C-alpha cells in the first residue's frame, strides 16, 4: 500500500494515475484504460509480477513496463527484462530517477504507437488503392486524370519519405526512440492522412453531388504546408521562411484542393532554389476583398520564352529530374475553380515569384 500510494502522489501532477493492488486488477485496468506505462512490483500477492508481465505482453506488446524489486533479486530483474520489461528499479526508489524513468518510457510508448498508427494508415491506404485499381481496369483510358492522381500523391509521399529518413538517422544516432522522434512521426501521420483525403477526393470525382465547400483559413493551410515541406527544404539546403501576417483571412472552398495547389508551388520553389542552396519565402498579404499567397525563390529563374508555357499540362523545366509537368497545371485549375488567379514574375539568375490571388470571405 505504501509504495503504490507514494507513486500515485509522485506522478499525479503530470499523469493520470490508476492503481490496483493485484496483478489481475492491474490487467483489467490495462484493458480498459490503455495506459502508456505500467509499474509493477516483482513480488505481488497471488499472481507474481513476472507472471503478470507475461500477461501484459499478451495484451499490449508496446506499453512500457517498469518492474520494482525490493529484495535485491538481480537475476529476477534480469529475467523481467528478458520477458519484455523496459526497465527496473530497486525499492526504495529515488523520486527524481522514477520521474525520469517514467518520462522516458511514456515517450517510448507514445512514439511506438504513433509509428504503428502511421504504418496501419499506410497499409490501409495501399489496400484501398489496390482495390480501386483492380475495380477500374479502364484506368489507362482516364489519361490525364490518372496522371494528376499520381502527381498529387507524389508530393505528400515524398515528404513522408523525407521524414522517415530523418527519423531513421535520429534513431541510429540516439540508439533509441526519444522525444526528438515525436515531431517527425507527427508529420508522417499528417501526410499519410493527406494521401487518404486526396484518394477520397479523387474517388468522388464523377459521382453525383460534389463535396460541399466550407469556410477555410488560408493562414492555417499555408502554415500546415510549410511544416510538411520543412524536411524537403532541409535536405536540399534551402532556407525556408514563412510570414502569414497577423490578420486572419478565410475563404469558402475545399481545403484539400487549396492545400495541394499551395504545396505544388512551394515544392517547385524549393527544387528551383536547391542548386544554389538559396531561399524560399512564403507570405500572405490580405487585401480588402482578396488574399495574395506569394511564393518567392532565389533559383535560376524562368526564361521568357517558357513563361507562357509553364501552366500547360506536361510542360516541365526539370528535364533531367523527376518533374511531370502537372504541378502548376493542377495549381492553376484549383485556383481558378475558387474564382482566383495566379501569375508569375521571373528574372534569370535572380529568382521567381508566384502569386496566387484568392477571394476572401467577407466579414
Protein backbone atom coordinates (compact mmCIF):
# COMPACT_ATOMS: atom_id res chain seq x y z
CA UNK A 1 0.00 0.00 0.00
CA UNK A 2 2.84 2.39 0.86
CA UNK A 3 4.87 2.32 -2.40
CA UNK A 4 1.70 2.34 -4.52
CA UNK A 5 0.33 5.43 -2.80
CA UNK A 6 3.77 7.10 -2.92
CA UNK A 7 3.91 6.53 -6.69
CA UNK A 8 0.41 7.89 -7.14
CA UNK A 9 1.23 11.09 -5.27
CA UNK A 10 4.59 11.47 -7.07
CA UNK A 11 3.14 11.10 -10.58
CA UNK A 12 -0.31 12.65 -10.12
CA UNK A 13 0.77 16.23 -11.06
CA UNK A 14 1.92 15.12 -14.53
CA UNK A 15 -0.06 11.97 -15.38
CA UNK A 16 -3.44 10.32 -14.97
CA UNK A 17 -2.63 7.54 -12.50
CA UNK A 18 -4.63 4.32 -11.93
CA UNK A 19 -3.75 1.87 -9.15
CA UNK A 20 -4.52 -1.78 -8.44
CA UNK A 21 -3.48 -4.00 -5.51
CA UNK A 22 -3.25 -7.24 -7.55
CA UNK A 23 -1.99 -8.33 -10.95
CA UNK A 24 -5.49 -9.32 -12.04
CA UNK A 25 -6.83 -5.88 -11.09
CA UNK A 26 -3.99 -4.24 -12.98
CA UNK A 27 -4.70 -6.32 -16.09
CA UNK A 28 -8.34 -5.18 -16.01
CA UNK A 29 -7.18 -1.54 -15.90
CA UNK A 30 -4.73 -2.21 -18.76
CA UNK A 31 -7.58 -3.43 -20.99
CA UNK A 32 -9.92 -0.58 -20.02
CA UNK A 33 -7.59 2.45 -19.83
CA UNK A 34 -4.79 1.54 -22.26
CA UNK A 35 -2.08 3.39 -20.28
CA UNK A 36 1.29 4.49 -21.67
CA UNK A 37 3.25 2.84 -18.86
CA UNK A 38 2.78 0.14 -16.22
CA UNK A 39 4.73 -0.02 -12.93
CA UNK A 40 4.59 -3.42 -11.24
CA UNK A 41 6.28 -4.89 -8.21
CA UNK A 42 8.01 -8.21 -8.91
CA UNK A 43 6.59 -9.58 -5.64
CA UNK A 44 2.78 -9.34 -5.72
CA UNK A 45 0.03 -11.13 -3.77
CA UNK A 46 -1.45 -14.01 -5.76
CA UNK A 47 -0.13 -13.85 -9.33
CA UNK A 48 3.52 -12.78 -9.32
CA UNK A 49 4.82 -9.71 -11.09
CA UNK A 50 6.80 -11.90 -13.54
CA UNK A 51 3.68 -13.88 -14.49
CA UNK A 52 1.81 -10.59 -14.73
CA UNK A 53 4.48 -9.29 -17.13
CA UNK A 54 3.88 -12.25 -19.43
CA UNK A 55 0.16 -11.50 -19.47
CA UNK A 56 0.75 -7.76 -20.04
CA UNK A 57 2.79 -8.55 -23.13
CA UNK A 58 -0.03 -10.79 -24.45
CA UNK A 59 -2.47 -7.88 -24.09
CA UNK A 60 -0.23 -5.00 -25.25
CA UNK A 61 3.23 -5.66 -26.76
CA UNK A 62 4.16 -1.96 -26.78
CA UNK A 63 3.14 -0.49 -23.41
CA UNK A 64 6.21 0.41 -21.33
CA UNK A 65 6.62 -1.82 -18.24
CA UNK A 66 8.83 -0.85 -15.28
CA UNK A 67 9.41 -3.52 -12.63
CA UNK A 68 10.14 -2.76 -8.96
CA UNK A 69 12.17 -5.08 -6.77
CA UNK A 70 12.86 -4.61 -3.07
CA UNK A 71 14.77 -7.73 -2.21
CA UNK A 72 17.89 -7.42 -4.38
CA UNK A 73 16.93 -10.22 -6.75
CA UNK A 74 19.09 -9.12 -9.68
CA UNK A 75 18.55 -12.40 -11.52
CA UNK A 76 14.76 -11.92 -11.26
CA UNK A 77 15.04 -8.35 -12.57
CA UNK A 78 17.13 -9.57 -15.48
CA UNK A 79 14.52 -12.24 -16.16
CA UNK A 80 11.91 -9.47 -16.27
CA UNK A 81 13.95 -7.61 -18.90
CA UNK A 82 14.26 -10.81 -20.93
CA UNK A 83 10.49 -11.25 -20.83
CA UNK A 84 9.87 -7.75 -22.16
CA UNK A 85 10.13 -5.28 -19.29
CA UNK A 86 11.57 -1.95 -20.39
CA UNK A 87 13.29 -1.05 -17.11
CA UNK A 88 13.54 -1.97 -13.44
CA UNK A 89 14.20 -0.03 -10.23
CA UNK A 90 15.06 -1.07 -6.72
CA UNK A 91 12.99 -0.09 -3.69
CA UNK A 92 13.09 2.31 -2.04
CA UNK A 93 13.18 4.26 -5.30
CA UNK A 94 14.59 7.74 -5.84
CA UNK A 95 11.82 10.21 -6.77
CA UNK A 96 13.87 12.06 -9.39
CA UNK A 97 15.05 8.84 -11.00
CA UNK A 98 11.48 7.50 -11.04
CA UNK A 99 10.21 10.64 -12.84
CA UNK A 100 12.98 10.32 -15.42
CA UNK A 101 12.30 6.63 -16.00
CA UNK A 102 8.54 7.22 -16.33
CA UNK A 103 9.02 10.18 -18.70
CA UNK A 104 11.40 8.23 -20.92
CA UNK A 105 9.20 5.14 -21.08
CA UNK A 106 5.92 7.02 -21.59
CA UNK A 107 7.56 8.80 -24.54
CA UNK A 108 8.77 5.45 -25.89
CA UNK A 109 5.25 4.03 -25.80
CA UNK A 110 3.74 7.10 -27.47
CA UNK A 111 6.34 7.11 -30.25
CA UNK A 112 5.82 3.40 -30.86
CA UNK A 113 2.05 3.80 -31.02
CA UNK A 114 2.36 6.77 -33.39
CA UNK A 115 4.60 4.67 -35.61
CA UNK A 116 2.10 1.80 -35.54
CA UNK A 117 -0.76 4.16 -36.46
CA UNK A 118 1.23 5.55 -39.39
CA UNK A 119 2.07 2.03 -40.58
CA UNK A 120 -1.58 0.95 -40.27
CA UNK A 121 -2.70 4.02 -42.22
CA UNK A 122 -0.18 3.32 -44.98
CA UNK A 123 -1.19 -0.34 -45.14
CA UNK A 124 -4.90 0.51 -45.30
CA UNK A 125 -4.24 3.20 -47.91
CA UNK A 126 -2.31 0.73 -50.06
CA UNK A 127 -5.13 -1.80 -49.80
CA UNK A 128 -7.67 0.84 -50.87
CA UNK A 129 -5.52 1.80 -53.83
CA UNK A 130 -5.19 -1.83 -54.89
CA UNK A 131 -8.94 -2.33 -54.65
CA UNK A 132 -9.57 0.77 -56.75
CA UNK A 133 -7.07 -0.27 -59.39
CA UNK A 134 -8.50 -3.79 -59.51
CA UNK A 135 -12.04 -2.47 -59.95
CA UNK A 136 -11.13 0.04 -62.64
CA UNK A 137 -9.41 -1.79 -65.47
CA UNK A 138 -10.20 1.16 -67.69
CA UNK A 139 -7.82 3.37 -65.64
CA UNK A 140 -5.46 3.70 -68.61
CA UNK A 141 -8.22 5.41 -70.59
CA UNK A 142 -8.58 8.10 -67.94
CA UNK A 143 -5.33 9.59 -69.25
CA UNK A 144 -4.65 12.97 -67.69
CA UNK A 145 -6.87 12.40 -64.65
CA UNK A 146 -4.89 9.33 -63.59
CA UNK A 147 -1.61 11.20 -64.14
CA UNK A 148 -2.84 14.03 -61.89
CA UNK A 149 -3.77 11.44 -59.29
CA UNK A 150 -0.24 10.01 -59.27
CA UNK A 151 1.24 13.53 -59.11
CA UNK A 152 -0.95 14.54 -56.15
CA UNK A 153 0.10 11.52 -54.11
CA UNK A 154 3.73 12.07 -55.05
CA UNK A 155 4.23 15.28 -53.04
CA UNK A 156 2.96 14.07 -49.63
CA UNK A 157 4.65 10.70 -50.08
CA UNK A 158 7.93 12.49 -50.86
CA UNK A 159 7.53 14.39 -47.58
CA UNK A 160 6.74 11.15 -45.73
CA UNK A 161 9.88 9.57 -47.13
CA UNK A 162 11.98 12.60 -46.14
CA UNK A 163 10.83 12.45 -42.54
CA UNK A 164 11.25 8.67 -42.43
CA UNK A 165 14.89 9.20 -43.41
CA UNK A 166 15.35 11.94 -40.78
CA UNK A 167 13.75 9.74 -38.14
CA UNK A 168 15.92 6.77 -39.09
CA UNK A 169 19.05 8.89 -38.74
CA UNK A 170 17.96 10.20 -35.32
CA UNK A 171 17.11 6.71 -34.08
CA UNK A 172 20.50 5.49 -35.29
CA UNK A 173 22.29 8.37 -33.53
CA UNK A 174 20.35 8.05 -30.27
CA UNK A 175 20.15 4.29 -30.20
CA UNK A 176 16.52 4.52 -29.04
CA UNK A 177 13.22 6.31 -29.59
CA UNK A 178 13.38 9.69 -27.83
CA UNK A 179 11.42 12.91 -27.74
CA UNK A 180 13.12 14.07 -30.95
CA UNK A 181 11.18 11.37 -32.82
CA UNK A 182 7.73 12.75 -31.99
CA UNK A 183 7.74 15.69 -34.46
CA UNK A 184 8.82 13.52 -37.40
CA UNK A 185 6.19 10.87 -36.61
CA UNK A 186 3.50 13.54 -36.32
CA UNK A 187 4.34 14.93 -39.78
CA UNK A 188 4.41 11.40 -41.23
CA UNK A 189 0.92 10.84 -39.85
CA UNK A 190 -0.31 14.18 -41.27
CA UNK A 191 0.94 13.39 -44.76
CA UNK A 192 -0.46 9.87 -44.71
CA UNK A 193 -3.78 11.46 -43.75
CA UNK A 194 -3.44 13.90 -46.67
CA UNK A 195 -2.93 10.94 -49.02
CA UNK A 196 -6.14 9.43 -47.71
CA UNK A 197 -8.02 12.71 -48.23
CA UNK A 198 -6.68 13.02 -51.79
CA UNK A 199 -7.76 9.47 -52.51
CA UNK A 200 -11.25 10.21 -51.18
CA UNK A 201 -11.37 13.38 -53.30
CA UNK A 202 -10.43 11.51 -56.46
CA UNK A 203 -12.90 8.73 -55.71
CA UNK A 204 -15.67 11.37 -55.51
CA UNK A 205 -14.90 12.71 -59.00
CA UNK A 206 -17.65 11.75 -61.39
CA UNK A 207 -20.06 10.79 -58.59
CA UNK A 208 -23.30 12.61 -58.02
CA UNK A 209 -23.07 15.55 -55.65
CA UNK A 210 -19.72 17.23 -55.13
CA UNK A 211 -18.29 17.60 -51.65
CA UNK A 212 -19.70 20.78 -50.03
CA UNK A 213 -17.33 23.73 -49.65
CA UNK A 214 -16.93 25.45 -46.31
CA UNK A 215 -15.03 28.36 -44.72
CA UNK A 216 -11.29 27.59 -44.50
CA UNK A 217 -8.35 29.55 -43.10
CA UNK A 218 -5.69 30.35 -45.70
CA UNK A 219 -3.13 31.14 -42.98
CA UNK A 220 -3.65 27.76 -41.32
CA UNK A 221 -3.32 25.94 -44.64
CA UNK A 222 -0.10 27.80 -45.53
CA UNK A 223 1.39 27.07 -42.10
CA UNK A 224 0.48 23.38 -42.40
CA UNK A 225 2.12 23.16 -45.82
CA UNK A 226 5.30 24.81 -44.51
CA UNK A 227 5.51 22.32 -41.63
CA UNK A 228 5.14 19.43 -44.06
CA UNK A 229 7.82 20.54 -46.53
CA UNK A 230 10.46 21.57 -43.98
CA UNK A 231 12.29 18.26 -44.39
CA UNK A 232 12.39 18.68 -48.20
CA UNK A 233 13.90 22.17 -47.79
CA UNK A 234 16.42 20.98 -45.20
CA UNK A 235 17.59 18.07 -47.30
CA UNK A 236 18.07 20.39 -50.29
CA UNK A 237 19.98 23.00 -48.28
CA UNK A 238 17.25 25.60 -48.82
CA UNK A 239 16.33 28.24 -46.21
CA UNK A 240 12.52 28.24 -45.91
CA UNK A 241 10.70 31.15 -44.21
CA UNK A 242 7.03 31.98 -43.85
CA UNK A 243 5.01 35.02 -42.77
CA UNK A 244 1.23 34.69 -42.80
CA UNK A 245 0.68 38.07 -41.15
CA UNK A 246 -1.28 38.98 -38.06
CA UNK A 247 -4.68 39.37 -39.72
CA UNK A 248 -6.62 36.11 -40.26
CA UNK A 249 -8.40 35.54 -43.55
CA UNK A 250 -10.79 32.87 -44.75
CA UNK A 251 -12.45 31.82 -47.96
CA UNK A 252 -15.17 29.36 -48.85
CA UNK A 253 -13.64 26.39 -50.59
CA UNK A 254 -12.13 22.93 -50.48
CA UNK A 255 -9.20 22.79 -48.05
CA UNK A 256 -7.63 19.70 -49.66
CA UNK A 257 -7.68 21.34 -53.11
CA UNK A 258 -6.21 24.63 -51.85
CA UNK A 259 -3.58 22.74 -49.89
CA UNK A 260 -2.47 20.70 -52.92
CA UNK A 261 -2.25 23.89 -55.01
CA UNK A 262 -0.07 25.77 -52.49
CA UNK A 263 2.08 22.73 -51.79
CA UNK A 264 2.78 22.25 -55.51
CA UNK A 265 4.13 25.81 -55.80
CA UNK A 266 6.19 25.65 -52.60
CA UNK A 267 7.82 22.33 -53.51
CA UNK A 268 8.59 23.65 -57.01
CA UNK A 269 10.23 26.71 -55.41
CA UNK A 270 12.35 24.55 -53.10
CA UNK A 271 13.51 22.44 -56.03
CA UNK A 272 14.33 25.59 -58.02
CA UNK A 273 16.38 27.07 -55.15
CA UNK A 274 18.15 23.80 -54.34
CA UNK A 275 21.00 24.08 -56.87
CA UNK A 276 22.07 27.46 -55.45
CA UNK A 277 21.31 26.46 -51.81
CA UNK A 278 19.08 29.52 -51.84
CA UNK A 279 15.98 30.77 -50.09
CA UNK A 280 12.22 30.32 -50.40
CA UNK A 281 9.92 32.90 -48.82
CA UNK A 282 6.17 32.36 -48.44
CA UNK A 283 3.88 35.25 -47.43
CA UNK A 284 0.17 36.01 -47.14
CA UNK A 285 -0.88 39.59 -47.93
CA UNK A 286 -4.50 40.46 -47.10
CA UNK A 287 -6.41 42.97 -49.24
CA UNK A 288 -9.94 44.21 -48.80
CA UNK A 289 -11.51 41.53 -50.98
CA UNK A 290 -8.66 39.09 -51.57
CA UNK A 291 -5.55 37.47 -50.17
CA UNK A 292 -2.30 37.08 -52.09
CA UNK A 293 -0.26 33.96 -51.32
CA UNK A 294 3.24 34.67 -52.64
CA UNK A 295 5.97 32.08 -53.05
CA UNK A 296 9.36 33.60 -53.89
CA UNK A 297 12.54 31.65 -54.62
CA UNK A 298 16.14 32.62 -55.38
CA UNK A 299 16.54 29.96 -58.04
CA UNK A 300 17.81 30.30 -61.62
CA UNK A 301 14.61 31.94 -62.92
CA UNK A 302 12.49 31.02 -65.94
CA UNK A 303 13.37 32.16 -69.49
CA UNK A 304 10.82 34.50 -71.07
CA UNK A 305 10.31 32.01 -73.89
CA UNK A 306 8.99 29.46 -71.38
CA UNK A 307 6.87 31.70 -69.14
CA UNK A 308 3.81 31.31 -71.37
CA UNK A 309 4.01 27.52 -71.20
CA UNK A 310 4.55 26.78 -67.52
CA UNK A 311 0.83 26.25 -66.81
CA UNK A 312 0.40 23.86 -69.75
CA UNK A 313 -0.08 20.19 -68.83
CA UNK A 314 3.07 18.07 -69.15
CA UNK A 315 5.36 21.06 -69.71
CA UNK A 316 8.33 20.92 -67.34
CA UNK A 317 11.67 22.67 -66.91
CA UNK A 318 13.01 19.64 -64.97
CA UNK A 319 14.01 17.56 -67.98
CA UNK A 320 16.82 15.80 -66.13
CA UNK A 321 14.84 15.40 -62.92
CA UNK A 322 11.53 13.83 -61.89
CA UNK A 323 9.12 16.57 -62.98
CA UNK A 324 5.81 15.50 -64.53
CA UNK A 325 4.73 18.92 -65.82
CA UNK A 326 1.42 18.71 -63.96
CA UNK A 327 2.04 20.61 -60.71
CA UNK A 328 1.43 24.15 -61.98
CA UNK A 329 -1.35 22.99 -64.29
CA UNK A 330 -3.16 21.49 -61.28
CA UNK A 331 -2.50 24.61 -59.20
CA UNK A 332 -3.91 26.95 -61.85
CA UNK A 333 -7.02 24.81 -62.22
CA UNK A 334 -7.61 24.72 -58.44
CA UNK A 335 -7.09 28.48 -58.04
CA UNK A 336 -9.46 29.28 -60.91
CA UNK A 337 -12.02 26.81 -59.55
CA UNK A 338 -12.02 29.02 -56.43
CA UNK A 339 -12.55 32.19 -58.51
CA UNK A 340 -8.93 33.22 -58.10
CA UNK A 341 -5.95 33.85 -60.35
CA UNK A 342 -2.26 33.00 -60.46
CA UNK A 343 0.61 34.92 -62.03
CA UNK A 344 4.36 34.52 -62.26
CA UNK A 345 7.24 37.02 -62.31
CA UNK A 346 10.72 35.75 -63.03
CA UNK A 347 14.22 37.11 -63.67
CA UNK A 348 17.06 34.90 -64.86
CA UNK A 349 19.75 34.28 -62.19
CA UNK A 350 17.64 36.19 -59.64
CA UNK A 351 14.58 34.06 -58.97
CA UNK A 352 10.85 33.58 -59.44
CA UNK A 353 7.71 34.71 -57.62
CA UNK A 354 4.32 33.04 -57.93
CA UNK A 355 1.30 34.97 -56.65
CA UNK A 356 -1.99 33.15 -56.03
CA UNK A 357 -4.81 35.64 -55.52
CA UNK A 358 -7.91 34.22 -53.86
CA UNK A 359 -11.16 35.96 -52.88
CA UNK A 360 -11.67 36.15 -49.12
CA UNK A 361 -14.89 35.64 -47.21
CA UNK A 362 -16.40 38.98 -46.28
CA UNK A 363 -16.51 39.88 -42.60
